[in-house]
Amino acid sequence: MVDDETGLSAPKLSALSVLVYRGPSSLKDLARAEQVTAPTMSKLVADLEADGLAAKRADREDKRGLRIEVTARGRALFEEGRRRRLALLRNKVAQLAKAEQSLLGEAAALMLRIAAED
């Protein structure tokens, strides 16, 4: 699946999301967060680098290691895509009946409660 607006695959968008919200990560940590193998993540990171969306930098704490970080271009592309998706979602929710909107609010509260239990 490729996002029509950004032209990015779901795995690329997901990895960018991790980098945007968690900050620079090692390849191992990024692979763990995305629940993929290190070789799979290595290929994905290489693609993100080739697209100018992520960059490898020396780890400040461990000079032997590398950290992957989102570039300014990657962050801007991710944020713009996020804004568009949220606007679309807001529009769709606004079209629901008030009772349906209320039900969504209750479901969201339950999901937050469940997530907080972990």
C-alpha atoms as a PDB file:
ATOM      1  CA  MET A   1       0.000   0.000   0.000  1.00  0.00           C
ATOM      2  CA  VAL A   2       1.312   3.447  -0.934  1.00  0.00           C
ATOM      3  CA  ASP A   3      -0.046   6.700   0.479  1.00  0.00           C
ATOM      4  CA  ASP A   4      -1.382   8.696  -2.469  1.00  0.00           C
ATOM      5  CA  GLU A   5      -0.375  12.064  -1.037  1.00  0.00           C
ATOM      6  CA  THR A   6       3.181  11.291   0.107  1.00  0.00           C
ATOM      7  CA  GLY A   7       3.999   8.435  -2.252  1.00  0.00           C
ATOM      8  CA  LEU A   8       5.370   6.482   0.721  1.00  0.00           C
ATOM      9  CA  SER A   9       4.631   2.888   1.608  1.00  0.00           C
ATOM     10  CA  ALA A  10       2.984   2.046   4.918  1.00  0.00           C
ATOM     11  CA  PRO A  11       6.264   0.614   6.315  1.00  0.00           C
ATOM     12  CA  LYS A  12       8.140   3.825   5.431  1.00  0.00           C
ATOM     13  CA  LEU A  13       5.439   6.002   7.015  1.00  0.00           C
ATOM     14  CA  SER A  14       5.436   3.816  10.110  1.00  0.00           C
ATOM     15  CA  ALA A  15       9.221   3.962  10.496  1.00  0.00           C
ATOM     16  CA  LEU A  16       9.143   7.746  10.011  1.00  0.00           C
ATOM     17  CA  SER A  17       6.480   7.936  12.712  1.00  0.00           C
ATOM     18  CA  VAL A  18       8.757   6.113  15.152  1.00  0.00           C
ATOM     19  CA  LEU A  19      11.636   8.452  14.329  1.00  0.00           C
ATOM     20  CA  VAL A  20       9.460  11.568  14.617  1.00  0.00           C
ATOM     21  CA  TYR A  21       7.882  10.619  17.939  1.00  0.00           C
ATOM     22  CA  ARG A  22      10.703   8.668  19.629  1.00  0.00           C
ATOM     23  CA  GLY A  23      13.646  10.519  18.185  1.00  0.00           C
ATOM     24  CA  PRO A  24      16.881   9.068  16.811  1.00  0.00           C
ATOM     25  CA  SER A  25      17.072   5.288  17.187  1.00  0.00           C
ATOM     26  CA  SER A  26      19.521   2.503  16.602  1.00  0.00           C
ATOM     27  CA  LEU A  27      18.711   0.119  13.771  1.00  0.00           C
ATOM     28  CA  LYS A  28      18.066  -2.603  16.344  1.00  0.00           C
ATOM     29  CA  ASP A  29      15.623  -0.449  18.337  1.00  0.00           C
ATOM     30  CA  LEU A  30      13.850   0.724  15.204  1.00  0.00           C
ATOM     31  CA  ALA A  31      13.488  -2.872  13.977  1.00  0.00           C
ATOM     32  CA  ARG A  32      12.125  -3.896  17.371  1.00  0.00           C
ATOM     33  CA  ALA A  33       9.616  -1.024  17.389  1.00  0.00           C
ATOM     34  CA  GLU A  34       8.431  -1.973  13.907  1.00  0.00           C
ATOM     35  CA  GLN A  35       8.467  -5.704  14.700  1.00  0.00           C
ATOM     36  CA  VAL A  36      10.689  -6.601  11.747  1.00  0.00           C
ATOM     37  CA  THR A  37      14.124  -8.157  11.402  1.00  0.00           C
ATOM     38  CA  ALA A  38      17.274  -6.049  11.371  1.00  0.00           C
ATOM     39  CA  PRO A  39      17.966  -6.858   7.679  1.00  0.00           C
ATOM     40  CA  THR A  40      14.435  -5.764   6.747  1.00  0.00           C
ATOM     41  CA  MET A  41      14.849  -2.520   8.686  1.00  0.00           C
ATOM     42  CA  SER A  42      18.298  -1.979   7.176  1.00  0.00           C
ATOM     43  CA  LYS A  43      16.752  -2.067   3.684  1.00  0.00           C
ATOM     44  CA  LEU A  44      13.929   0.249   4.761  1.00  0.00           C
ATOM     45  CA  VAL A  45      16.387   2.735   6.298  1.00  0.00           C
ATOM     46  CA  ALA A  46      18.492   2.643   3.115  1.00  0.00           C
ATOM     47  CA  ASP A  47      15.361   3.513   1.130  1.00  0.00           C
ATOM     48  CA  LEU A  48      14.484   6.346   3.535  1.00  0.00           C
ATOM     49  CA  GLU A  49      18.049   7.665   3.210  1.00  0.00           C
ATOM     50  CA  ALA A  50      17.898   7.488  -0.588  1.00  0.00           C
ATOM     51  CA  ASP A  51      14.644   9.478  -0.459  1.00  0.00           C
ATOM     52  CA  GLY A  52      16.281  12.089   1.804  1.00  0.00           C
ATOM     53  CA  LEU A  53      13.842  11.319   4.638  1.00  0.00           C
ATOM     54  CA  ALA A  54      16.250   9.824   7.188  1.00  0.00           C
ATOM     55  CA  ALA A  55      19.978   9.939   7.876  1.00  0.00           C
ATOM     56  CA  LYS A  56      22.473   7.847   9.814  1.00  0.00           C
ATOM     57  CA  ARG A  57      24.572   9.704  12.356  1.00  0.00           C
ATOM     58  CA  ALA A  58      27.298   8.597  14.747  1.00  0.00           C
ATOM     59  CA  ASP A  59      25.927   7.684  18.166  1.00  0.00           C
ATOM     60  CA  ARG A  60      27.112  10.334  20.629  1.00  0.00           C
ATOM     61  CA  GLU A  61      27.340   7.813  23.472  1.00  0.00           C
ATOM     62  CA  ASP A  62      28.790   4.876  21.523  1.00  0.00           C
ATOM     63  CA  LYS A  63      31.090   6.071  18.740  1.00  0.00           C
ATOM     64  CA  ARG A  64      30.977   2.596  17.175  1.00  0.00           C
ATOM     65  CA  GLY A  65      27.206   2.763  16.778  1.00  0.00           C
ATOM     66  CA  LEU A  66      24.899   4.622  14.447  1.00  0.00           C
ATOM     67  CA  ARG A  67      21.606   6.358  15.106  1.00  0.00           C
ATOM     68  CA  ILE A  68      18.945   6.833  12.484  1.00  0.00           C
ATOM     69  CA  GLU A  69      17.186  10.181  12.605  1.00  0.00           C
ATOM     70  CA  VAL A  70      14.486  11.822  10.562  1.00  0.00           C
ATOM     71  CA  THR A  71      15.634  14.661   8.306  1.00  0.00           C
ATOM     72  CA  ALA A  72      13.883  18.018   8.073  1.00  0.00           C
ATOM     73  CA  ARG A  73      12.404  16.875   4.753  1.00  0.00           C
ATOM     74  CA  GLY A  74      11.219  13.613   6.301  1.00  0.00           C
ATOM     75  CA  ARG A  75       9.625  15.398   9.248  1.00  0.00           C
ATOM     76  CA  ALA A  76       7.887  17.921   6.980  1.00  0.00           C
ATOM     77  CA  LEU A  77       6.527  15.185   4.707  1.00  0.00           C
ATOM     78  CA  PHE A  78       5.339  13.145   7.693  1.00  0.00           C
ATOM     79  CA  GLU A  79       3.713  16.149   9.408  1.00  0.00           C
ATOM     80  CA  GLU A  80       1.936  17.286   6.240  1.00  0.00           C
ATOM     81  CA  GLY A  81       0.586  13.788   5.644  1.00  0.00           C
ATOM     82  CA  ARG A  82      -0.560  13.619   9.256  1.00  0.00           C
ATOM     83  CA  ARG A  83      -2.349  16.975   8.966  1.00  0.00           C
ATOM     84  CA  ARG A  84      -4.177  15.814   5.837  1.00  0.00           C
ATOM     85  CA  ARG A  85      -5.237  12.502   7.401  1.00  0.00           C
ATOM     86  CA  LEU A  86      -6.490  14.233  10.564  1.00  0.00           C
ATOM     87  CA  ALA A  87      -8.458  16.783   8.529  1.00  0.00           C
ATOM     88  CA  LEU A  88     -10.073  13.979   6.545  1.00  0.00           C
ATOM     89  CA  LEU A  89     -10.908  12.094   9.736  1.00  0.00           C
ATOM     90  CA  ARG A  90     -12.385  15.215  11.372  1.00  0.00           C
ATOM     91  CA  ASN A  91     -14.541  15.758   8.308  1.00  0.00           C
ATOM     92  CA  LYS A  92     -15.776  12.153   8.348  1.00  0.00           C
ATOM     93  CA  VAL A  93     -16.543  12.260  12.090  1.00  0.00           C
ATOM     94  CA  ALA A  94     -18.418  15.551  11.662  1.00  0.00           C
ATOM     95  CA  GLN A  95     -20.700  13.811   9.160  1.00  0.00           C
ATOM     96  CA  LEU A  96     -21.753  11.188  11.723  1.00  0.00           C
ATOM     97  CA  ALA A  97     -24.906  11.498  13.778  1.00  0.00           C
ATOM     98  CA  LYS A  98     -24.404  12.972  17.267  1.00  0.00           C
ATOM     99  CA  ALA A  99     -25.096   9.572  18.854  1.00  0.00           C
ATOM    100  CA  GLU A 100     -22.414   7.975  16.677  1.00  0.00           C
ATOM    101  CA  GLN A 101     -19.951  10.726  17.589  1.00  0.00           C
ATOM    102  CA  SER A 102     -20.696  10.090  21.260  1.00  0.00           C
ATOM    103  CA  LEU A 103     -20.150   6.360  20.777  1.00  0.00           C
ATOM    104  CA  LEU A 104     -16.772   7.061  19.163  1.00  0.00           C
ATOM    105  CA  GLY A 105     -15.823   9.221  22.148  1.00  0.00           C
ATOM    106  CA  GLU A 106     -16.717   6.415  24.541  1.00  0.00           C
ATOM    107  CA  ALA A 107     -14.745   3.898  22.480  1.00  0.00           C
ATOM    108  CA  ALA A 108     -11.724   6.219  22.430  1.00  0.00           C
ATOM    109  CA  ALA A 109     -11.875   6.566  26.222  1.00  0.00           C
ATOM    110  CA  LEU A 110     -11.940   2.770  26.565  1.00  0.00           C
ATOM    111  CA  MET A 111      -8.967   2.402  24.228  1.00  0.00           C
ATOM    112  CA  LEU A 112      -6.972   4.956  26.222  1.00  0.00           C
ATOM    113  CA  ARG A 113      -7.802   3.136  29.445  1.00  0.00           C
ATOM    114  CA  ILE A 114      -6.708  -0.200  27.981  1.00  0.00           C
ATOM    115  CA  ALA A 115      -3.476   1.329  26.635  1.00  0.00           C
ATOM    116  CA  ALA A 116      -2.706   2.840  30.049  1.00  0.00           C
ATOM    117  CA  GLU A 117      -2.919  -0.602  31.678  1.00  0.00           C
ATOM    118  CA  ASP A 118       0.251  -1.825  29.948  1.00  0.00           C
END
